[in-house]
Amino acid sequence: MTDYTQYFDEVIQAHVAIEQWLAEERDASELEQLLSRFSPQFSMVSPLGRVLDFDALNELFTLAGGKKLGFRIELSELRGIAQYQGGATVSYREHQTDATGQHSDRRSTVVFEKHADGRVIWRHLHETFCKE
């Protein structure tokens, strides 16, 4: 059986950091820590089909930092898809809510790179809204 624990842990830890960054006023150094989880070659397909690169992700986090009061993320259905020498691909479900009552439900697939030192970083993310 393939062990995806390191990758699942990164999904969880990254979302804790994202939740904190968006929901609370944080120090700029925390944005640097958050962004260090992502490859400089990062790419993402948003739930609405928008394609983002690392610079766009940086801009999104910079503009949204501390502006989503009461923001919460709940993760479920973490599943390993493939693991290989240079990383892994996993999927998960993500429920987001904020203080206004706005919520979203999405399924996500992430491709991770694993560096020689064991560090795992986000290389690609694809999110799709759920209608369930």
C-alpha atoms as a PDB file:
ATOM      1  CA  MET A   1       0.000   0.000   0.000  1.00  0.00           C
ATOM      2  CA  THR A   2       1.308   3.456  -0.917  1.00  0.00           C
ATOM      3  CA  ASP A   3       1.686   5.959   1.936  1.00  0.00           C
ATOM      4  CA  TYR A   4       0.389   9.435   1.066  1.00  0.00           C
ATOM      5  CA  THR A   5       0.590  10.782   4.629  1.00  0.00           C
ATOM      6  CA  GLN A   6       3.228  13.426   3.822  1.00  0.00           C
ATOM      7  CA  TYR A   7       1.111  14.781   0.970  1.00  0.00           C
ATOM      8  CA  PHE A   8      -2.155  14.726   2.923  1.00  0.00           C
ATOM      9  CA  ASP A   9      -0.398  16.526   5.789  1.00  0.00           C
ATOM     10  CA  GLU A  10       0.762  19.231   3.363  1.00  0.00           C
ATOM     11  CA  VAL A  11      -2.784  19.698   2.031  1.00  0.00           C
ATOM     12  CA  ILE A  12      -4.057  20.120   5.594  1.00  0.00           C
ATOM     13  CA  GLN A  13      -1.232  22.393   6.788  1.00  0.00           C
ATOM     14  CA  ALA A  14      -1.406  24.588   3.681  1.00  0.00           C
ATOM     15  CA  HIS A  15      -5.141  25.087   4.139  1.00  0.00           C
ATOM     16  CA  VAL A  16      -4.679  26.022   7.793  1.00  0.00           C
ATOM     17  CA  ALA A  17      -2.177  28.681   6.665  1.00  0.00           C
ATOM     18  CA  ILE A  18      -4.496  29.872   3.869  1.00  0.00           C
ATOM     19  CA  GLU A  19      -7.455  30.068   6.251  1.00  0.00           C
ATOM     20  CA  GLN A  20      -5.438  32.106   8.757  1.00  0.00           C
ATOM     21  CA  TRP A  21      -4.034  34.402   6.063  1.00  0.00           C
ATOM     22  CA  LEU A  22      -7.449  35.177   4.603  1.00  0.00           C
ATOM     23  CA  ALA A  23      -9.406  35.403   7.876  1.00  0.00           C
ATOM     24  CA  GLU A  24      -7.035  37.432  10.055  1.00  0.00           C
ATOM     25  CA  GLU A  25      -4.620  40.323   9.805  1.00  0.00           C
ATOM     26  CA  ARG A  26      -1.214  38.652   9.562  1.00  0.00           C
ATOM     27  CA  ASP A  27       2.393  39.738   9.281  1.00  0.00           C
ATOM     28  CA  ALA A  28       3.825  39.999   5.755  1.00  0.00           C
ATOM     29  CA  SER A  29       6.459  37.391   6.650  1.00  0.00           C
ATOM     30  CA  GLU A  30       3.621  34.877   6.950  1.00  0.00           C
ATOM     31  CA  LEU A  31       2.693  35.536   3.323  1.00  0.00           C
ATOM     32  CA  GLU A  32       6.264  34.658   2.359  1.00  0.00           C
ATOM     33  CA  GLN A  33       5.985  31.415   4.351  1.00  0.00           C
ATOM     34  CA  LEU A  34       2.665  30.622   2.703  1.00  0.00           C
ATOM     35  CA  LEU A  35       3.964  31.294  -0.797  1.00  0.00           C
ATOM     36  CA  SER A  36       7.082  29.178  -0.150  1.00  0.00           C
ATOM     37  CA  ARG A  37       4.761  26.149  -0.254  1.00  0.00           C
ATOM     38  CA  PHE A  38       4.248  26.754  -3.984  1.00  0.00           C
ATOM     39  CA  SER A  39       6.635  26.149  -6.875  1.00  0.00           C
ATOM     40  CA  PRO A  40       7.805  29.223  -8.820  1.00  0.00           C
ATOM     41  CA  GLN A  41       6.348  27.306 -11.807  1.00  0.00           C
ATOM     42  CA  PHE A  42       3.008  26.846  -9.997  1.00  0.00           C
ATOM     43  CA  SER A  43      -0.136  26.769 -12.118  1.00  0.00           C
ATOM     44  CA  MET A  44      -3.769  26.555 -11.148  1.00  0.00           C
ATOM     45  CA  VAL A  45      -7.127  26.182 -12.817  1.00  0.00           C
ATOM     46  CA  SER A  46      -9.730  27.907 -10.639  1.00  0.00           C
ATOM     47  CA  PRO A  47     -13.277  26.557 -10.236  1.00  0.00           C
ATOM     48  CA  LEU A  48     -14.429  29.084 -12.850  1.00  0.00           C
ATOM     49  CA  GLY A  49     -11.757  28.022 -15.333  1.00  0.00           C
ATOM     50  CA  ARG A  50      -9.382  30.937 -14.762  1.00  0.00           C
ATOM     51  CA  VAL A  51      -5.710  29.978 -15.135  1.00  0.00           C
ATOM     52  CA  LEU A  52      -3.329  31.398 -12.539  1.00  0.00           C
ATOM     53  CA  ASP A  53       0.441  31.243 -12.261  1.00  0.00           C
ATOM     54  CA  PHE A  54       2.622  31.906  -9.220  1.00  0.00           C
ATOM     55  CA  ASP A  55       2.509  35.690  -9.714  1.00  0.00           C
ATOM     56  CA  ALA A  56      -1.298  35.659  -9.913  1.00  0.00           C
ATOM     57  CA  LEU A  57      -1.467  33.516  -6.769  1.00  0.00           C
ATOM     58  CA  ASN A  58       0.813  35.977  -4.989  1.00  0.00           C
ATOM     59  CA  GLU A  59      -1.422  38.875  -6.069  1.00  0.00           C
ATOM     60  CA  LEU A  60      -4.578  37.019  -4.994  1.00  0.00           C
ATOM     61  CA  PHE A  61      -3.197  36.314  -1.515  1.00  0.00           C
ATOM     62  CA  THR A  62      -1.777  39.840  -1.188  1.00  0.00           C
ATOM     63  CA  LEU A  63      -5.106  41.477  -2.022  1.00  0.00           C
ATOM     64  CA  ALA A  64      -7.275  39.092   0.008  1.00  0.00           C
ATOM     65  CA  GLY A  65      -5.158  38.879   3.163  1.00  0.00           C
ATOM     66  CA  GLY A  66      -7.268  39.500   6.281  1.00  0.00           C
ATOM     67  CA  LYS A  67     -10.360  40.407   4.267  1.00  0.00           C
ATOM     68  CA  LYS A  68     -12.515  37.288   4.691  1.00  0.00           C
ATOM     69  CA  LEU A  69     -13.686  37.541   8.271  1.00  0.00           C
ATOM     70  CA  GLY A  70     -14.844  34.283   9.750  1.00  0.00           C
ATOM     71  CA  PHE A  71     -13.360  32.346   6.837  1.00  0.00           C
ATOM     72  CA  ARG A  72     -13.156  28.608   7.464  1.00  0.00           C
ATOM     73  CA  ILE A  73     -12.015  25.665   5.368  1.00  0.00           C
ATOM     74  CA  GLU A  74     -13.038  22.066   6.011  1.00  0.00           C
ATOM     75  CA  LEU A  75     -11.282  19.288   4.123  1.00  0.00           C
ATOM     76  CA  SER A  76     -12.523  15.781   3.468  1.00  0.00           C
ATOM     77  CA  GLU A  77     -12.168  12.878   1.056  1.00  0.00           C
ATOM     78  CA  LEU A  78      -8.363  13.040   0.815  1.00  0.00           C
ATOM     79  CA  ARG A  79      -7.326  10.398  -1.692  1.00  0.00           C
ATOM     80  CA  GLY A  80      -4.037   9.392  -3.237  1.00  0.00           C
ATOM     81  CA  ILE A  81      -4.081   9.149  -7.008  1.00  0.00           C
ATOM     82  CA  ALA A  82      -0.443   8.462  -7.934  1.00  0.00           C
ATOM     83  CA  GLN A  83       2.935   8.598  -6.280  1.00  0.00           C
ATOM     84  CA  TYR A  84       6.232   8.676  -8.148  1.00  0.00           C
ATOM     85  CA  GLN A  85       9.870   9.453  -7.437  1.00  0.00           C
ATOM     86  CA  GLY A  86       9.497  13.205  -7.900  1.00  0.00           C
ATOM     87  CA  GLY A  87       6.192  13.696  -6.077  1.00  0.00           C
ATOM     88  CA  ALA A  88       2.557  12.679  -6.023  1.00  0.00           C
ATOM     89  CA  THR A  89      -0.936  13.593  -7.149  1.00  0.00           C
ATOM     90  CA  VAL A  90      -3.755  13.686  -4.614  1.00  0.00           C
ATOM     91  CA  SER A  91      -7.354  14.844  -4.513  1.00  0.00           C
ATOM     92  CA  TYR A  92      -9.550  16.260  -1.781  1.00  0.00           C
ATOM     93  CA  ARG A  93     -12.851  17.992  -1.160  1.00  0.00           C
ATOM     94  CA  GLU A  94     -12.922  21.510   0.271  1.00  0.00           C
ATOM     95  CA  HIS A  95     -15.828  23.337   1.904  1.00  0.00           C
ATOM     96  CA  GLN A  96     -15.320  27.077   2.437  1.00  0.00           C
ATOM     97  CA  THR A  97     -17.526  29.366   4.530  1.00  0.00           C
ATOM     98  CA  ASP A  98     -17.224  32.921   5.821  1.00  0.00           C
ATOM     99  CA  ALA A  99     -18.948  35.196   8.332  1.00  0.00           C
ATOM    100  CA  THR A 100     -21.463  36.413   5.716  1.00  0.00           C
ATOM    101  CA  GLY A 101     -22.752  32.870   5.249  1.00  0.00           C
ATOM    102  CA  GLN A 102     -21.250  32.545   1.795  1.00  0.00           C
ATOM    103  CA  HIS A 103     -20.046  29.022   1.132  1.00  0.00           C
ATOM    104  CA  SER A 104     -18.537  26.954  -1.622  1.00  0.00           C
ATOM    105  CA  ASP A 105     -17.891  23.280  -2.128  1.00  0.00           C
ATOM    106  CA  ARG A 106     -15.173  22.104  -4.475  1.00  0.00           C
ATOM    107  CA  ARG A 107     -13.182  19.065  -5.464  1.00  0.00           C
ATOM    108  CA  SER A 108      -9.499  19.641  -6.011  1.00  0.00           C
ATOM    109  CA  THR A 109      -6.603  17.733  -7.509  1.00  0.00           C
ATOM    110  CA  VAL A 110      -3.051  18.765  -6.689  1.00  0.00           C
ATOM    111  CA  VAL A 111       0.250  17.718  -8.231  1.00  0.00           C
ATOM    112  CA  PHE A 112       3.124  17.879  -5.749  1.00  0.00           C
ATOM    113  CA  GLU A 113       6.850  18.048  -6.397  1.00  0.00           C
ATOM    114  CA  LYS A 114       9.098  16.376  -3.849  1.00  0.00           C
ATOM    115  CA  HIS A 115      12.589  17.812  -3.562  1.00  0.00           C
ATOM    116  CA  ALA A 116      15.703  15.764  -2.791  1.00  0.00           C
ATOM    117  CA  ASP A 117      15.635  17.103   0.792  1.00  0.00           C
ATOM    118  CA  GLY A 118      12.106  15.669   1.217  1.00  0.00           C
ATOM    119  CA  ARG A 119      10.312  19.016   0.993  1.00  0.00           C
ATOM    120  CA  VAL A 120       6.952  18.875  -0.773  1.00  0.00           C
ATOM    121  CA  ILE A 121       5.699  21.856  -2.807  1.00  0.00           C
ATOM    122  CA  TRP A 122       2.566  22.559  -4.825  1.00  0.00           C
ATOM    123  CA  ARG A 123       3.194  22.391  -8.593  1.00  0.00           C
ATOM    124  CA  HIS A 124      -0.341  22.394 -10.035  1.00  0.00           C
ATOM    125  CA  LEU A 125      -3.855  22.680  -8.620  1.00  0.00           C
ATOM    126  CA  HIS A 126      -7.165  22.143 -10.392  1.00  0.00           C
ATOM    127  CA  GLU A 127     -10.402  23.024  -8.594  1.00  0.00           C
ATOM    128  CA  THR A 128     -13.974  22.283  -9.662  1.00  0.00           C
ATOM    129  CA  PHE A 129     -17.161  23.496  -7.962  1.00  0.00           C
ATOM    130  CA  CYS A 130     -19.525  20.789  -6.716  1.00  0.00           C
ATOM    131  CA  LYS A 131     -23.238  21.064  -7.341  1.00  0.00           C
ATOM    132  CA  GLU A 132     -24.195  18.369  -4.856  1.00  0.00           C
END
